[in-house]
Amino acid sequence: MCGRYFFAENIDTSRYLKILERKHDQQILDLWQKGEVCPGQIALVELDQDCELMKWNYQLFDRALINTRLESIRDKRFYQQDYREHRCVVVASGFYEWKDKQRHYLTTDSPVIYLAAIYQTTDDLSRFSIITKEATSTRDIHHRVPIVLDYRQAEAYLKGKMTLTQLEDLRPHFEIRKEYENLSLF
């Protein structure tokens, strides 16, 4: 599962801003969350040959989903059109997982990673959900993990050139840092 991710200040946003400034007024641009990004916030996503600001919560009937299981995309018709027609990648530096109230920051050796996602269009800002799969190397922290892509894989994913099986078979090497422990005062 991916419940938060991090967008570092050192990510070069200049090319994104040139595109986004043509699409949105300053009020929308000011909503763009950088640093620690949480569900429901406005975030940067890349599309095939484009980028956009979207809200992190995909609507499924009356529920807001932050993650979509790869298996659900394969098995449930509801997701299949968005998987075919509305692929995006979330631009990030890393993501967080929790185990026993201990927060772990996971990243790769690249300063920018891309989280595979799907999105749905709405009247205002579109909404996205990060695709997750069964964890392998990080299973001792959490049983699910977002599908993490490098730049080349992200381009292939956005162009529809990666199958669900290829996404499932990806095994990036993660660098893991423990961050802090949640403590209760009561």
C-alpha atoms as a PDB file:
ATOM      1  CA  MET A   1       0.000   0.000   0.000  1.00  0.00           C
ATOM      2  CA  CYS A   2       1.118   3.537  -0.537  1.00  0.00           C
ATOM      3  CA  GLY A   3      -0.458   5.997   1.885  1.00  0.00           C
ATOM      4  CA  ARG A   4       2.052   8.823   1.480  1.00  0.00           C
ATOM      5  CA  TYR A   5       4.911   9.670  -0.777  1.00  0.00           C
ATOM      6  CA  PHE A   6       7.592  12.340  -0.943  1.00  0.00           C
ATOM      7  CA  PHE A   7       8.257  14.929  -3.676  1.00  0.00           C
ATOM      8  CA  ALA A   8      11.703  16.383  -2.918  1.00  0.00           C
ATOM      9  CA  GLU A   9      12.631  20.008  -3.477  1.00  0.00           C
ATOM     10  CA  ASN A  10      15.532  18.946  -5.702  1.00  0.00           C
ATOM     11  CA  ILE A  11      13.200  17.593  -8.423  1.00  0.00           C
ATOM     12  CA  ASP A  12      13.469  19.974 -11.365  1.00  0.00           C
ATOM     13  CA  THR A  13       9.939  21.295 -11.902  1.00  0.00           C
ATOM     14  CA  SER A  14      10.742  23.922 -14.555  1.00  0.00           C
ATOM     15  CA  ARG A  15       9.528  21.883 -17.542  1.00  0.00           C
ATOM     16  CA  TYR A  16       6.372  20.899 -15.680  1.00  0.00           C
ATOM     17  CA  LEU A  17       5.645  24.505 -14.707  1.00  0.00           C
ATOM     18  CA  LYS A  18       5.867  25.693 -18.318  1.00  0.00           C
ATOM     19  CA  ILE A  19       3.094  23.268 -19.248  1.00  0.00           C
ATOM     20  CA  LEU A  20       0.976  23.716 -16.127  1.00  0.00           C
ATOM     21  CA  GLU A  21       1.041  27.527 -16.267  1.00  0.00           C
ATOM     22  CA  ARG A  22      -0.658  27.364 -19.676  1.00  0.00           C
ATOM     23  CA  LYS A  23      -3.434  25.147 -18.293  1.00  0.00           C
ATOM     24  CA  HIS A  24      -4.128  26.497 -14.801  1.00  0.00           C
ATOM     25  CA  ASP A  25      -4.413  29.784 -12.997  1.00  0.00           C
ATOM     26  CA  GLN A  26      -2.217  30.549  -9.996  1.00  0.00           C
ATOM     27  CA  GLN A  27      -4.940  29.478  -7.552  1.00  0.00           C
ATOM     28  CA  ILE A  28      -4.752  25.882  -8.829  1.00  0.00           C
ATOM     29  CA  LEU A  29      -0.948  25.940  -9.108  1.00  0.00           C
ATOM     30  CA  ASP A  30      -0.748  26.968  -5.442  1.00  0.00           C
ATOM     31  CA  LEU A  31      -2.563  23.734  -4.497  1.00  0.00           C
ATOM     32  CA  TRP A  32       0.272  21.611  -5.925  1.00  0.00           C
ATOM     33  CA  GLN A  33       1.629  19.704  -2.929  1.00  0.00           C
ATOM     34  CA  LYS A  34       5.359  19.213  -2.659  1.00  0.00           C
ATOM     35  CA  GLY A  35       7.274  17.557   0.158  1.00  0.00           C
ATOM     36  CA  GLU A  36       5.181  14.910   1.883  1.00  0.00           C
ATOM     37  CA  VAL A  37       2.080  14.209  -0.205  1.00  0.00           C
ATOM     38  CA  CYS A  38      -1.030  12.727   1.416  1.00  0.00           C
ATOM     39  CA  PRO A  39      -4.273  11.334  -0.022  1.00  0.00           C
ATOM     40  CA  GLY A  40      -6.738  14.006  -1.091  1.00  0.00           C
ATOM     41  CA  GLN A  41      -4.015  16.502  -1.992  1.00  0.00           C
ATOM     42  CA  ILE A  42      -3.226  17.876  -5.448  1.00  0.00           C
ATOM     43  CA  ALA A  43      -0.155  16.276  -7.017  1.00  0.00           C
ATOM     44  CA  LEU A  44       1.877  16.238 -10.207  1.00  0.00           C
ATOM     45  CA  VAL A  45       1.392  13.328 -12.590  1.00  0.00           C
ATOM     46  CA  GLU A  46       2.886  12.663 -15.998  1.00  0.00           C
ATOM     47  CA  LEU A  47       0.791  11.503 -18.920  1.00  0.00           C
ATOM     48  CA  ASP A  48       2.025  10.359 -22.320  1.00  0.00           C
ATOM     49  CA  GLN A  49       3.644  13.538 -23.732  1.00  0.00           C
ATOM     50  CA  ASP A  50       2.004  15.764 -21.088  1.00  0.00           C
ATOM     51  CA  CYS A  51       1.703  16.472 -17.375  1.00  0.00           C
ATOM     52  CA  GLU A  52      -1.183  17.487 -15.150  1.00  0.00           C
ATOM     53  CA  LEU A  53      -2.186  18.296 -11.589  1.00  0.00           C
ATOM     54  CA  MET A  54      -4.630  15.760 -10.170  1.00  0.00           C
ATOM     55  CA  LYS A  55      -6.260  14.948  -6.867  1.00  0.00           C
ATOM     56  CA  TRP A  56      -5.047  11.793  -5.141  1.00  0.00           C
ATOM     57  CA  ASN A  57      -8.273   9.865  -4.628  1.00  0.00           C
ATOM     58  CA  TYR A  58      -9.979   7.816  -7.281  1.00  0.00           C
ATOM     59  CA  GLN A  59     -13.748   7.572  -6.834  1.00  0.00           C
ATOM     60  CA  LEU A  60     -15.311   4.111  -6.848  1.00  0.00           C
ATOM     61  CA  PHE A  61     -19.019   4.611  -6.307  1.00  0.00           C
ATOM     62  CA  ASP A  62     -19.139   6.217  -2.844  1.00  0.00           C
ATOM     63  CA  ARG A  63     -15.550   5.366  -1.844  1.00  0.00           C
ATOM     64  CA  ALA A  64     -12.334   7.278  -2.394  1.00  0.00           C
ATOM     65  CA  LEU A  65      -9.485   4.925  -3.290  1.00  0.00           C
ATOM     66  CA  ILE A  66      -5.863   5.952  -2.965  1.00  0.00           C
ATOM     67  CA  ASN A  67      -4.523   2.617  -4.237  1.00  0.00           C
ATOM     68  CA  THR A  68      -5.753   0.111  -6.811  1.00  0.00           C
ATOM     69  CA  ARG A  69      -4.538  -3.455  -6.749  1.00  0.00           C
ATOM     70  CA  LEU A  70      -2.937  -4.695  -9.950  1.00  0.00           C
ATOM     71  CA  GLU A  71      -4.999  -7.864  -9.519  1.00  0.00           C
ATOM     72  CA  SER A  72      -8.204  -5.789  -9.480  1.00  0.00           C
ATOM     73  CA  ILE A  73      -7.258  -4.136 -12.768  1.00  0.00           C
ATOM     74  CA  ARG A  74      -6.769  -7.582 -14.248  1.00  0.00           C
ATOM     75  CA  ASP A  75      -9.950  -9.121 -12.787  1.00  0.00           C
ATOM     76  CA  LYS A  76     -12.530  -6.328 -12.527  1.00  0.00           C
ATOM     77  CA  ARG A  77     -14.030  -4.635 -15.573  1.00  0.00           C
ATOM     78  CA  PHE A  78     -14.524  -1.372 -13.691  1.00  0.00           C
ATOM     79  CA  TYR A  79     -10.801  -0.499 -13.895  1.00  0.00           C
ATOM     80  CA  GLN A  80      -9.957  -1.857 -17.322  1.00  0.00           C
ATOM     81  CA  GLN A  81     -10.998   1.144 -19.413  1.00  0.00           C
ATOM     82  CA  ASP A  82      -9.013   3.538 -17.226  1.00  0.00           C
ATOM     83  CA  TYR A  83      -6.038   1.178 -17.375  1.00  0.00           C
ATOM     84  CA  ARG A  84      -6.218   1.169 -21.189  1.00  0.00           C
ATOM     85  CA  GLU A  85      -7.023   4.857 -21.697  1.00  0.00           C
ATOM     86  CA  HIS A  86      -6.051   6.757 -18.533  1.00  0.00           C
ATOM     87  CA  ARG A  87      -2.578   5.725 -17.462  1.00  0.00           C
ATOM     88  CA  CYS A  88      -0.393   8.153 -15.580  1.00  0.00           C
ATOM     89  CA  VAL A  89       2.692   8.086 -13.389  1.00  0.00           C
ATOM     90  CA  VAL A  90       3.136   9.950 -10.142  1.00  0.00           C
ATOM     91  CA  VAL A  91       6.432  11.828  -9.968  1.00  0.00           C
ATOM     92  CA  ALA A  92       8.089  11.218  -6.582  1.00  0.00           C
ATOM     93  CA  SER A  93      11.355  10.842  -4.717  1.00  0.00           C
ATOM     94  CA  GLY A  94      10.201   7.945  -2.551  1.00  0.00           C
ATOM     95  CA  PHE A  95       7.257   6.646  -0.557  1.00  0.00           C
ATOM     96  CA  TYR A  96       6.390   5.687   3.003  1.00  0.00           C
ATOM     97  CA  GLU A  97       5.223   2.460   4.609  1.00  0.00           C
ATOM     98  CA  TRP A  98       4.495   1.737   8.257  1.00  0.00           C
ATOM     99  CA  LYS A  99       5.120  -1.327  10.382  1.00  0.00           C
ATOM    100  CA  ASP A 100       4.354  -1.445  14.092  1.00  0.00           C
ATOM    101  CA  LYS A 101       4.008   2.365  14.239  1.00  0.00           C
ATOM    102  CA  GLN A 102       7.495   2.734  12.717  1.00  0.00           C
ATOM    103  CA  ARG A 103       7.613   4.783   9.522  1.00  0.00           C
ATOM    104  CA  HIS A 104       9.926   3.623   6.732  1.00  0.00           C
ATOM    105  CA  TYR A 105      10.998   5.696   3.738  1.00  0.00           C
ATOM    106  CA  LEU A 106      11.576   3.650   0.579  1.00  0.00           C
ATOM    107  CA  THR A 107      13.310   4.873  -2.555  1.00  0.00           C
ATOM    108  CA  THR A 108      15.726   3.694  -5.226  1.00  0.00           C
ATOM    109  CA  ASP A 109      19.147   5.001  -6.182  1.00  0.00           C
ATOM    110  CA  SER A 110      17.491   7.437  -8.611  1.00  0.00           C
ATOM    111  CA  PRO A 111      16.566  10.972  -7.443  1.00  0.00           C
ATOM    112  CA  VAL A 112      13.185  10.620  -9.198  1.00  0.00           C
ATOM    113  CA  ILE A 113      10.920   7.580  -9.276  1.00  0.00           C
ATOM    114  CA  TYR A 114       7.598   7.118 -11.019  1.00  0.00           C
ATOM    115  CA  LEU A 115       4.637   5.351  -9.409  1.00  0.00           C
ATOM    116  CA  ALA A 116       2.335   3.639 -11.907  1.00  0.00           C
ATOM    117  CA  ALA A 117      -1.228   4.918 -11.590  1.00  0.00           C
ATOM    118  CA  ILE A 118      -4.573   5.204 -13.327  1.00  0.00           C
ATOM    119  CA  TYR A 119      -6.836   8.220 -13.370  1.00  0.00           C
ATOM    120  CA  GLN A 120     -10.413   9.218 -14.019  1.00  0.00           C
ATOM    121  CA  THR A 121     -11.569  12.457 -15.527  1.00  0.00           C
ATOM    122  CA  THR A 122     -14.005  14.656 -13.641  1.00  0.00           C
ATOM    123  CA  ASP A 123     -15.571  18.079 -14.129  1.00  0.00           C
ATOM    124  CA  ASP A 124     -12.823  19.780 -12.132  1.00  0.00           C
ATOM    125  CA  LEU A 125      -9.423  18.190 -11.491  1.00  0.00           C
ATOM    126  CA  SER A 126      -9.003  14.562 -12.529  1.00  0.00           C
ATOM    127  CA  ARG A 127      -8.341  11.979  -9.805  1.00  0.00           C
ATOM    128  CA  PHE A 128      -5.706   9.244  -9.628  1.00  0.00           C
ATOM    129  CA  SER A 129      -5.003   6.021  -7.768  1.00  0.00           C
ATOM    130  CA  ILE A 130      -1.559   4.439  -7.368  1.00  0.00           C
ATOM    131  CA  ILE A 131      -1.319   0.837  -8.561  1.00  0.00           C
ATOM    132  CA  THR A 132       0.005  -1.638  -6.000  1.00  0.00           C
ATOM    133  CA  LYS A 133       1.114  -5.257  -6.135  1.00  0.00           C
ATOM    134  CA  GLU A 134       2.254  -7.963  -3.750  1.00  0.00           C
ATOM    135  CA  ALA A 135       5.513  -6.947  -2.097  1.00  0.00           C
ATOM    136  CA  THR A 136       8.603  -9.092  -2.433  1.00  0.00           C
ATOM    137  CA  SER A 137      11.777  -7.539  -1.000  1.00  0.00           C
ATOM    138  CA  THR A 138       9.801  -5.220   1.319  1.00  0.00           C
ATOM    139  CA  ARG A 139       7.281  -7.811   2.531  1.00  0.00           C
ATOM    140  CA  ASP A 140       8.652  -7.639   6.079  1.00  0.00           C
ATOM    141  CA  ILE A 141       7.483  -3.997   6.214  1.00  0.00           C
ATOM    142  CA  HIS A 142       4.171  -4.241   4.297  1.00  0.00           C
ATOM    143  CA  HIS A 143       2.499  -6.881   2.127  1.00  0.00           C
ATOM    144  CA  ARG A 144       1.700  -4.393  -0.701  1.00  0.00           C
ATOM    145  CA  VAL A 145       4.009  -2.029  -2.572  1.00  0.00           C
ATOM    146  CA  PRO A 146       3.411   0.582  -5.285  1.00  0.00           C
ATOM    147  CA  ILE A 147       4.655  -0.271  -8.753  1.00  0.00           C
ATOM    148  CA  VAL A 148       7.860   1.749  -8.998  1.00  0.00           C
ATOM    149  CA  LEU A 149       9.195   2.595 -12.449  1.00  0.00           C
ATOM    150  CA  ASP A 150      12.377   4.189 -13.690  1.00  0.00           C
ATOM    151  CA  TYR A 151      12.228   6.815 -16.452  1.00  0.00           C
ATOM    152  CA  ARG A 152      12.437   4.328 -19.330  1.00  0.00           C
ATOM    153  CA  GLN A 153       9.816   2.027 -17.798  1.00  0.00           C
ATOM    154  CA  ALA A 154       7.532   5.000 -17.109  1.00  0.00           C
ATOM    155  CA  GLU A 155       7.655   6.008 -20.769  1.00  0.00           C
ATOM    156  CA  ALA A 156       6.807   2.448 -21.862  1.00  0.00           C
ATOM    157  CA  TYR A 157       3.968   2.212 -19.312  1.00  0.00           C
ATOM    158  CA  LEU A 158       2.441   5.516 -20.467  1.00  0.00           C
ATOM    159  CA  LYS A 159       2.553   4.388 -24.109  1.00  0.00           C
ATOM    160  CA  GLY A 160       0.754   1.141 -23.224  1.00  0.00           C
ATOM    161  CA  LYS A 161       3.833  -0.966 -23.947  1.00  0.00           C
ATOM    162  CA  MET A 162       3.978  -2.743 -20.575  1.00  0.00           C
ATOM    163  CA  THR A 163       1.617  -5.585 -19.752  1.00  0.00           C
ATOM    164  CA  LEU A 164       0.190  -6.241 -16.308  1.00  0.00           C
ATOM    165  CA  THR A 165       2.488  -9.264 -16.077  1.00  0.00           C
ATOM    166  CA  GLN A 166       5.535  -7.105 -16.839  1.00  0.00           C
ATOM    167  CA  LEU A 167       4.461  -4.630 -14.142  1.00  0.00           C
ATOM    168  CA  GLU A 168       3.965  -7.459 -11.686  1.00  0.00           C
ATOM    169  CA  ASP A 169       7.432  -8.855 -12.461  1.00  0.00           C
ATOM    170  CA  LEU A 170       9.282  -5.582 -11.759  1.00  0.00           C
ATOM    171  CA  ARG A 171      11.662  -5.903  -8.816  1.00  0.00           C
ATOM    172  CA  PRO A 172      13.376  -2.573  -8.135  1.00  0.00           C
ATOM    173  CA  HIS A 173      16.062  -2.469  -5.459  1.00  0.00           C
ATOM    174  CA  PHE A 174      14.815  -0.328  -2.585  1.00  0.00           C
ATOM    175  CA  GLU A 175      16.837   1.703  -0.142  1.00  0.00           C
ATOM    176  CA  ILE A 176      14.973   1.698   3.168  1.00  0.00           C
ATOM    177  CA  ARG A 177      15.327   4.173   6.026  1.00  0.00           C
ATOM    178  CA  LYS A 178      13.451   4.109   9.300  1.00  0.00           C
ATOM    179  CA  GLU A 179      12.138   7.601   9.986  1.00  0.00           C
ATOM    180  CA  TYR A 180      10.351   7.846  13.301  1.00  0.00           C
ATOM    181  CA  GLU A 181       8.018   5.994  15.606  1.00  0.00           C
ATOM    182  CA  ASN A 182       4.474   7.154  16.249  1.00  0.00           C
ATOM    183  CA  LEU A 183       4.037   7.580  19.981  1.00  0.00           C
ATOM    184  CA  SER A 184       0.834   7.941  21.933  1.00  0.00           C
ATOM    185  CA  LEU A 185       0.519  10.315  24.860  1.00  0.00           C
ATOM    186  CA  PHE A 186      -2.388   8.334  26.275  1.00  0.00           C
END
